[in-house]
């Protein structure tokens, strides 16, 4: 297990920090759930956690195909996304920060760490989710899933490597903050250290490839030497 290897390491060992977006910076996962349930509910289906946990971190079309197959919904993954997107966009405008995230990000910025966002979300959805959060101005770069340098989504390393290039960072001195097993794998493949902050419903056993597992930003502050 790698999950204790960052204990006692000084944050100053990292010049840059790259954050995933959904579930890491903004509490959007419950909004995705609401939008999904609105669609599958039309077919008398229930979107349960066991299925959602298998979809997290996947390409959206791949996840949609898993959903319609597992729930035996008589539409394609593409049609599901067409139905779900306008519902999700409306909900995303209400996205709140993950508790204590803004304070953590501002502290990093004030300490001189370069910051970036690396998300599988499209740039349009990123803009919708973050428009009311002025503290996102602390991020020097945003690499979205539809960025021209991204050929493959997580667990491929493209997003994080593109983020490192955008902020002029050596991958070996980047710390990634993620909440999905696929995101952790992407960070590892990029040659970066990675902290997992999983959903409380996800067991630690799914994140043994992370350097550190915590459940909140206050815990992360405690585990890393500032």
C-alpha atoms as a PDB file:
ATOM      1  CA  UNK A   1       0.000   0.000   0.000  1.00  0.00           C
ATOM      2  CA  UNK A   2       1.201   3.535  -0.807  1.00  0.00           C
ATOM      3  CA  UNK A   3      -1.309   5.346   1.374  1.00  0.00           C
ATOM      4  CA  UNK A   4       1.162   6.320   4.118  1.00  0.00           C
ATOM      5  CA  UNK A   5       4.066   7.464   1.960  1.00  0.00           C
ATOM      6  CA  UNK A   6       3.341  11.204   2.195  1.00  0.00           C
ATOM      7  CA  UNK A   7       2.997  11.236   5.967  1.00  0.00           C
ATOM      8  CA  UNK A   8       5.338  13.854   7.391  1.00  0.00           C
ATOM      9  CA  UNK A   9       6.353  15.173   3.973  1.00  0.00           C
ATOM     10  CA  UNK A  10       6.521  18.938   3.781  1.00  0.00           C
ATOM     11  CA  UNK A  11       4.164  20.600   1.348  1.00  0.00           C
ATOM     12  CA  UNK A  12       7.136  22.669   0.214  1.00  0.00           C
ATOM     13  CA  UNK A  13       8.391  19.522  -1.536  1.00  0.00           C
ATOM     14  CA  UNK A  14       5.764  20.246  -4.180  1.00  0.00           C
ATOM     15  CA  UNK A  15       5.957  23.304  -6.389  1.00  0.00           C
ATOM     16  CA  UNK A  16       2.488  22.837  -7.878  1.00  0.00           C
ATOM     17  CA  UNK A  17      -0.840  21.297  -6.890  1.00  0.00           C
ATOM     18  CA  UNK A  18      -3.366  20.033  -9.442  1.00  0.00           C
ATOM     19  CA  UNK A  19      -6.956  19.436  -8.400  1.00  0.00           C
ATOM     20  CA  UNK A  20      -9.735  17.402  -9.922  1.00  0.00           C
ATOM     21  CA  UNK A  21     -12.997  19.372  -9.974  1.00  0.00           C
ATOM     22  CA  UNK A  22     -16.088  17.288  -9.233  1.00  0.00           C
ATOM     23  CA  UNK A  23     -16.174  16.041  -5.657  1.00  0.00           C
ATOM     24  CA  UNK A  24     -12.769  17.593  -4.938  1.00  0.00           C
ATOM     25  CA  UNK A  25     -13.289  21.341  -5.331  1.00  0.00           C
ATOM     26  CA  UNK A  26     -17.056  21.514  -5.831  1.00  0.00           C
ATOM     27  CA  UNK A  27     -19.757  19.324  -4.325  1.00  0.00           C
ATOM     28  CA  UNK A  28     -21.293  18.369  -7.657  1.00  0.00           C
ATOM     29  CA  UNK A  29     -21.574  14.594  -7.293  1.00  0.00           C
ATOM     30  CA  UNK A  30     -24.996  14.837  -5.657  1.00  0.00           C
ATOM     31  CA  UNK A  31     -26.092  17.077  -8.540  1.00  0.00           C
ATOM     32  CA  UNK A  32     -24.998  14.450 -11.059  1.00  0.00           C
ATOM     33  CA  UNK A  33     -27.034  11.934  -9.069  1.00  0.00           C
ATOM     34  CA  UNK A  34     -30.129  14.144  -9.152  1.00  0.00           C
ATOM     35  CA  UNK A  35     -29.824  14.705 -12.894  1.00  0.00           C
ATOM     36  CA  UNK A  36     -29.313  10.998 -13.553  1.00  0.00           C
ATOM     37  CA  UNK A  37     -32.255   9.990 -11.391  1.00  0.00           C
ATOM     38  CA  UNK A  38     -34.466  12.482 -13.222  1.00  0.00           C
ATOM     39  CA  UNK A  39     -33.753  10.626 -16.477  1.00  0.00           C
ATOM     40  CA  UNK A  40     -33.815   7.017 -15.291  1.00  0.00           C
ATOM     41  CA  UNK A  41     -36.878   7.711 -13.164  1.00  0.00           C
ATOM     42  CA  UNK A  42     -38.845   8.198 -16.375  1.00  0.00           C
ATOM     43  CA  UNK A  43     -38.268   4.490 -16.993  1.00  0.00           C
ATOM     44  CA  UNK A  44     -39.188   3.426 -13.471  1.00  0.00           C
ATOM     45  CA  UNK A  45     -35.537   2.896 -12.481  1.00  0.00           C
ATOM     46  CA  UNK A  46     -33.523   3.949  -9.442  1.00  0.00           C
ATOM     47  CA  UNK A  47     -29.941   5.172  -9.657  1.00  0.00           C
ATOM     48  CA  UNK A  48     -28.193   3.568  -6.694  1.00  0.00           C
ATOM     49  CA  UNK A  49     -24.765   4.120  -5.190  1.00  0.00           C
ATOM     50  CA  UNK A  50     -23.383   0.709  -6.174  1.00  0.00           C
ATOM     51  CA  UNK A  51     -23.815   1.598  -9.833  1.00  0.00           C
ATOM     52  CA  UNK A  52     -22.640   5.187  -9.439  1.00  0.00           C
ATOM     53  CA  UNK A  53     -19.406   4.057  -7.799  1.00  0.00           C
ATOM     54  CA  UNK A  54     -18.625   2.017 -10.916  1.00  0.00           C
ATOM     55  CA  UNK A  55     -19.220   5.026 -13.166  1.00  0.00           C
ATOM     56  CA  UNK A  56     -17.134   7.598 -11.270  1.00  0.00           C
ATOM     57  CA  UNK A  57     -14.041   8.830 -13.079  1.00  0.00           C
ATOM     58  CA  UNK A  58     -15.023   7.321 -16.435  1.00  0.00           C
ATOM     59  CA  UNK A  59     -15.463   9.105 -19.732  1.00  0.00           C
ATOM     60  CA  UNK A  60     -19.053  10.414 -19.716  1.00  0.00           C
ATOM     61  CA  UNK A  61     -20.144   8.352 -22.735  1.00  0.00           C
ATOM     62  CA  UNK A  62     -18.570   5.205 -21.333  1.00  0.00           C
ATOM     63  CA  UNK A  63     -20.315   5.848 -18.012  1.00  0.00           C
ATOM     64  CA  UNK A  64     -23.609   6.492 -19.792  1.00  0.00           C
ATOM     65  CA  UNK A  65     -23.336   3.185 -21.629  1.00  0.00           C
ATOM     66  CA  UNK A  66     -22.684   1.376 -18.359  1.00  0.00           C
ATOM     67  CA  UNK A  67     -25.760   3.051 -16.891  1.00  0.00           C
ATOM     68  CA  UNK A  68     -28.237   2.206 -19.653  1.00  0.00           C
ATOM     69  CA  UNK A  69     -26.927  -1.354 -19.886  1.00  0.00           C
ATOM     70  CA  UNK A  70     -27.039  -2.092 -16.159  1.00  0.00           C
ATOM     71  CA  UNK A  71     -30.498  -0.559 -15.713  1.00  0.00           C
ATOM     72  CA  UNK A  72     -31.787  -2.056 -18.989  1.00  0.00           C
ATOM     73  CA  UNK A  73     -33.036   1.340 -20.197  1.00  0.00           C
ATOM     74  CA  UNK A  74     -34.181   1.231 -23.855  1.00  0.00           C
ATOM     75  CA  UNK A  75     -32.093   4.197 -25.025  1.00  0.00           C
ATOM     76  CA  UNK A  76     -28.489   4.591 -26.119  1.00  0.00           C
ATOM     77  CA  UNK A  77     -25.772   6.180 -24.037  1.00  0.00           C
ATOM     78  CA  UNK A  78     -25.806   9.117 -26.419  1.00  0.00           C
ATOM     79  CA  UNK A  79     -29.546   9.646 -25.978  1.00  0.00           C
ATOM     80  CA  UNK A  80     -29.196   9.412 -22.218  1.00  0.00           C
ATOM     81  CA  UNK A  81     -26.620  12.217 -22.278  1.00  0.00           C
ATOM     82  CA  UNK A  82     -28.871  14.367 -24.461  1.00  0.00           C
ATOM     83  CA  UNK A  83     -31.652  14.029 -21.890  1.00  0.00           C
ATOM     84  CA  UNK A  84     -29.438  14.428 -18.854  1.00  0.00           C
ATOM     85  CA  UNK A  85     -27.317  17.406 -19.949  1.00  0.00           C
ATOM     86  CA  UNK A  86     -29.876  20.245 -19.719  1.00  0.00           C
ATOM     87  CA  UNK A  87     -31.017  19.005 -16.311  1.00  0.00           C
ATOM     88  CA  UNK A  88     -27.438  18.805 -15.091  1.00  0.00           C
ATOM     89  CA  UNK A  89     -26.522  22.243 -16.440  1.00  0.00           C
ATOM     90  CA  UNK A  90     -29.348  23.856 -14.492  1.00  0.00           C
ATOM     91  CA  UNK A  91     -28.293  22.084 -11.298  1.00  0.00           C
ATOM     92  CA  UNK A  92     -24.587  22.867 -11.735  1.00  0.00           C
ATOM     93  CA  UNK A  93     -25.289  26.581 -11.432  1.00  0.00           C
ATOM     94  CA  UNK A  94     -26.021  25.894  -7.749  1.00  0.00           C
ATOM     95  CA  UNK A  95     -22.804  23.931  -7.071  1.00  0.00           C
ATOM     96  CA  UNK A  96     -21.297  24.611  -3.650  1.00  0.00           C
ATOM     97  CA  UNK A  97     -17.677  24.220  -2.605  1.00  0.00           C
ATOM     98  CA  UNK A  98     -16.523  21.065  -0.889  1.00  0.00           C
ATOM     99  CA  UNK A  99     -16.190  22.114   2.792  1.00  0.00           C
ATOM    100  CA  UNK A 100     -12.994  24.062   3.587  1.00  0.00           C
ATOM    101  CA  UNK A 101     -11.800  23.909  -0.027  1.00  0.00           C
ATOM    102  CA  UNK A 102     -11.633  27.636  -0.677  1.00  0.00           C
ATOM    103  CA  UNK A 103      -9.522  28.236   2.424  1.00  0.00           C
ATOM    104  CA  UNK A 104      -7.150  25.423   1.428  1.00  0.00           C
ATOM    105  CA  UNK A 105      -6.762  26.728  -2.127  1.00  0.00           C
ATOM    106  CA  UNK A 106      -6.195  30.314  -0.997  1.00  0.00           C
ATOM    107  CA  UNK A 107      -3.579  29.152   1.515  1.00  0.00           C
ATOM    108  CA  UNK A 108      -1.694  27.278  -1.191  1.00  0.00           C
ATOM    109  CA  UNK A 109      -1.804  30.297  -3.482  1.00  0.00           C
ATOM    110  CA  UNK A 110      -0.538  32.616  -0.745  1.00  0.00           C
ATOM    111  CA  UNK A 111       2.347  30.220  -0.072  1.00  0.00           C
ATOM    112  CA  UNK A 112       3.409  30.483  -3.713  1.00  0.00           C
ATOM    113  CA  UNK A 113       2.292  27.098  -5.026  1.00  0.00           C
ATOM    114  CA  UNK A 114       1.226  27.040  -8.664  1.00  0.00           C
ATOM    115  CA  UNK A 115      -2.324  25.724  -9.008  1.00  0.00           C
ATOM    116  CA  UNK A 116      -4.269  24.063 -11.809  1.00  0.00           C
ATOM    117  CA  UNK A 117      -7.491  22.168 -12.358  1.00  0.00           C
ATOM    118  CA  UNK A 118      -7.449  18.888 -14.285  1.00  0.00           C
ATOM    119  CA  UNK A 119     -10.969  17.645 -14.959  1.00  0.00           C
ATOM    120  CA  UNK A 120     -12.652  15.224 -17.335  1.00  0.00           C
ATOM    121  CA  UNK A 121     -15.578  17.649 -17.476  1.00  0.00           C
ATOM    122  CA  UNK A 122     -15.965  19.779 -20.600  1.00  0.00           C
ATOM    123  CA  UNK A 123     -14.853  23.408 -20.488  1.00  0.00           C
ATOM    124  CA  UNK A 124     -18.463  24.545 -20.883  1.00  0.00           C
ATOM    125  CA  UNK A 125     -19.542  22.602 -17.819  1.00  0.00           C
ATOM    126  CA  UNK A 126     -16.489  23.806 -15.891  1.00  0.00           C
ATOM    127  CA  UNK A 127     -17.491  27.407 -16.584  1.00  0.00           C
ATOM    128  CA  UNK A 128     -21.098  26.759 -15.520  1.00  0.00           C
ATOM    129  CA  UNK A 129     -20.034  25.091 -12.271  1.00  0.00           C
ATOM    130  CA  UNK A 130     -17.491  27.722 -11.258  1.00  0.00           C
ATOM    131  CA  UNK A 131     -19.050  30.994 -12.450  1.00  0.00           C
ATOM    132  CA  UNK A 132     -20.174  32.034  -8.953  1.00  0.00           C
ATOM    133  CA  UNK A 133     -16.938  31.060  -7.206  1.00  0.00           C
ATOM    134  CA  UNK A 134     -14.464  33.933  -7.426  1.00  0.00           C
ATOM    135  CA  UNK A 135     -11.739  31.906  -5.669  1.00  0.00           C
ATOM    136  CA  UNK A 136     -11.183  29.888  -8.864  1.00  0.00           C
ATOM    137  CA  UNK A 137      -9.121  32.889  -9.987  1.00  0.00           C
ATOM    138  CA  UNK A 138      -6.281  31.351  -7.946  1.00  0.00           C
ATOM    139  CA  UNK A 139      -5.887  28.618 -10.566  1.00  0.00           C
ATOM    140  CA  UNK A 140      -3.385  29.490 -13.282  1.00  0.00           C
ATOM    141  CA  UNK A 141      -4.642  26.858 -15.725  1.00  0.00           C
ATOM    142  CA  UNK A 142      -7.665  24.664 -16.360  1.00  0.00           C
ATOM    143  CA  UNK A 143      -7.355  21.499 -18.436  1.00  0.00           C
ATOM    144  CA  UNK A 144     -10.747  20.051 -19.307  1.00  0.00           C
ATOM    145  CA  UNK A 145     -11.622  16.773 -20.946  1.00  0.00           C
ATOM    146  CA  UNK A 146     -12.152  18.483 -24.305  1.00  0.00           C
ATOM    147  CA  UNK A 147      -8.823  20.336 -24.250  1.00  0.00           C
ATOM    148  CA  UNK A 148      -6.931  19.862 -27.532  1.00  0.00           C
ATOM    149  CA  UNK A 149      -3.936  18.273 -25.766  1.00  0.00           C
ATOM    150  CA  UNK A 150      -6.104  15.587 -24.171  1.00  0.00           C
ATOM    151  CA  UNK A 151      -6.399  12.507 -26.354  1.00  0.00           C
ATOM    152  CA  UNK A 152      -7.498  10.089 -23.641  1.00  0.00           C
ATOM    153  CA  UNK A 153      -9.357  10.759 -20.410  1.00  0.00           C
ATOM    154  CA  UNK A 154      -8.526   9.403 -16.970  1.00  0.00           C
ATOM    155  CA  UNK A 155      -7.106   6.868 -16.099  1.00  0.00           C
ATOM    156  CA  UNK A 156      -4.765   7.978 -18.901  1.00  0.00           C
ATOM    157  CA  UNK A 157      -2.321  10.692 -17.740  1.00  0.00           C
ATOM    158  CA  UNK A 158      -3.099  13.202 -20.516  1.00  0.00           C
ATOM    159  CA  UNK A 159      -5.078  15.695 -18.423  1.00  0.00           C
ATOM    160  CA  UNK A 160      -2.490  15.946 -15.665  1.00  0.00           C
ATOM    161  CA  UNK A 161       0.467  16.087 -18.032  1.00  0.00           C
ATOM    162  CA  UNK A 162      -1.226  18.867 -19.991  1.00  0.00           C
ATOM    163  CA  UNK A 163      -1.879  20.713 -16.726  1.00  0.00           C
ATOM    164  CA  UNK A 164       1.779  20.429 -15.757  1.00  0.00           C
ATOM    165  CA  UNK A 165       2.850  21.820 -19.137  1.00  0.00           C
ATOM    166  CA  UNK A 166       0.372  24.684 -18.829  1.00  0.00           C
ATOM    167  CA  UNK A 167       1.795  25.825 -15.505  1.00  0.00           C
ATOM    168  CA  UNK A 168       5.439  25.020 -16.275  1.00  0.00           C
ATOM    169  CA  UNK A 169       5.700  22.275 -13.674  1.00  0.00           C
ATOM    170  CA  UNK A 170       7.926  19.235 -13.361  1.00  0.00           C
ATOM    171  CA  UNK A 171       5.503  16.284 -12.888  1.00  0.00           C
ATOM    172  CA  UNK A 172       7.714  14.875 -10.130  1.00  0.00           C
ATOM    173  CA  UNK A 173       7.079  18.022  -8.080  1.00  0.00           C
ATOM    174  CA  UNK A 174       3.313  18.040  -8.616  1.00  0.00           C
ATOM    175  CA  UNK A 175       0.807  16.927  -6.012  1.00  0.00           C
ATOM    176  CA  UNK A 176      -2.597  15.856  -7.341  1.00  0.00           C
ATOM    177  CA  UNK A 177      -5.812  15.849  -5.310  1.00  0.00           C
ATOM    178  CA  UNK A 178      -8.385  13.334  -6.586  1.00  0.00           C
ATOM    179  CA  UNK A 179     -11.541  11.536  -5.487  1.00  0.00           C
ATOM    180  CA  UNK A 180     -11.825   8.639  -7.954  1.00  0.00           C
ATOM    181  CA  UNK A 181      -9.720   5.506  -8.474  1.00  0.00           C
ATOM    182  CA  UNK A 182      -9.381   6.403 -12.174  1.00  0.00           C
ATOM    183  CA  UNK A 183      -8.107   9.860 -11.268  1.00  0.00           C
ATOM    184  CA  UNK A 184      -5.541   8.414  -8.863  1.00  0.00           C
ATOM    185  CA  UNK A 185      -4.360   6.055 -11.610  1.00  0.00           C
ATOM    186  CA  UNK A 186      -4.050   8.987 -14.022  1.00  0.00           C
ATOM    187  CA  UNK A 187      -1.909  10.943 -11.576  1.00  0.00           C
ATOM    188  CA  UNK A 188       0.341   7.946 -10.914  1.00  0.00           C
ATOM    189  CA  UNK A 189       0.725   7.382 -14.677  1.00  0.00           C
ATOM    190  CA  UNK A 190       1.763  11.035 -15.018  1.00  0.00           C
ATOM    191  CA  UNK A 191       4.582  10.507 -12.514  1.00  0.00           C
ATOM    192  CA  UNK A 192       2.946  12.669  -9.849  1.00  0.00           C
ATOM    193  CA  UNK A 193       2.229  12.186  -6.157  1.00  0.00           C
ATOM    194  CA  UNK A 194      -1.468  11.939  -5.366  1.00  0.00           C
ATOM    195  CA  UNK A 195      -3.771  12.412  -2.410  1.00  0.00           C
ATOM    196  CA  UNK A 196      -7.167  10.741  -2.507  1.00  0.00           C
ATOM    197  CA  UNK A 197     -10.123  12.443  -0.836  1.00  0.00           C
ATOM    198  CA  UNK A 198     -12.822   9.867  -1.625  1.00  0.00           C
ATOM    199  CA  UNK A 199     -16.532  10.090  -1.122  1.00  0.00           C
ATOM    200  CA  UNK A 200     -17.329   8.855   2.365  1.00  0.00           C
ATOM    201  CA  UNK A 201     -19.195   5.903   0.851  1.00  0.00           C
ATOM    202  CA  UNK A 202     -16.112   4.637  -1.000  1.00  0.00           C
ATOM    203  CA  UNK A 203     -13.803   2.315   0.965  1.00  0.00           C
ATOM    204  CA  UNK A 204     -10.081   2.967   1.333  1.00  0.00           C
ATOM    205  CA  UNK A 205      -9.402  -0.355  -0.386  1.00  0.00           C
ATOM    206  CA  UNK A 206     -10.195   1.217  -3.761  1.00  0.00           C
ATOM    207  CA  UNK A 207      -7.436   3.812  -3.271  1.00  0.00           C
ATOM    208  CA  UNK A 208      -4.430   1.781  -2.187  1.00  0.00           C
ATOM    209  CA  UNK A 209      -2.515   3.133  -5.190  1.00  0.00           C
ATOM    210  CA  UNK A 210      -2.718   6.670  -3.745  1.00  0.00           C
ATOM    211  CA  UNK A 211       0.177   8.107  -1.745  1.00  0.00           C
ATOM    212  CA  UNK A 212      -2.198   9.290   0.945  1.00  0.00           C
ATOM    213  CA  UNK A 213      -5.894   8.853   1.730  1.00  0.00           C
ATOM    214  CA  UNK A 214      -7.758  11.500   3.729  1.00  0.00           C
ATOM    215  CA  UNK A 215     -11.411  12.350   4.132  1.00  0.00           C
ATOM    216  CA  UNK A 216     -11.288  16.150   4.394  1.00  0.00           C
ATOM    217  CA  UNK A 217      -9.071  19.168   3.807  1.00  0.00           C
ATOM    218  CA  UNK A 218      -8.529  19.738   7.551  1.00  0.00           C
ATOM    219  CA  UNK A 219      -7.228  16.148   7.749  1.00  0.00           C
ATOM    220  CA  UNK A 220      -4.959  16.798   4.770  1.00  0.00           C
ATOM    221  CA  UNK A 221      -3.517  19.837   6.541  1.00  0.00           C
ATOM    222  CA  UNK A 222      -2.775  17.647   9.555  1.00  0.00           C
ATOM    223  CA  UNK A 223      -1.146  14.868   7.528  1.00  0.00           C
ATOM    224  CA  UNK A 224       1.111  17.105   5.432  1.00  0.00           C
ATOM    225  CA  UNK A 225       3.650  19.315   7.129  1.00  0.00           C
ATOM    226  CA  UNK A 226       2.948  22.935   6.176  1.00  0.00           C
END
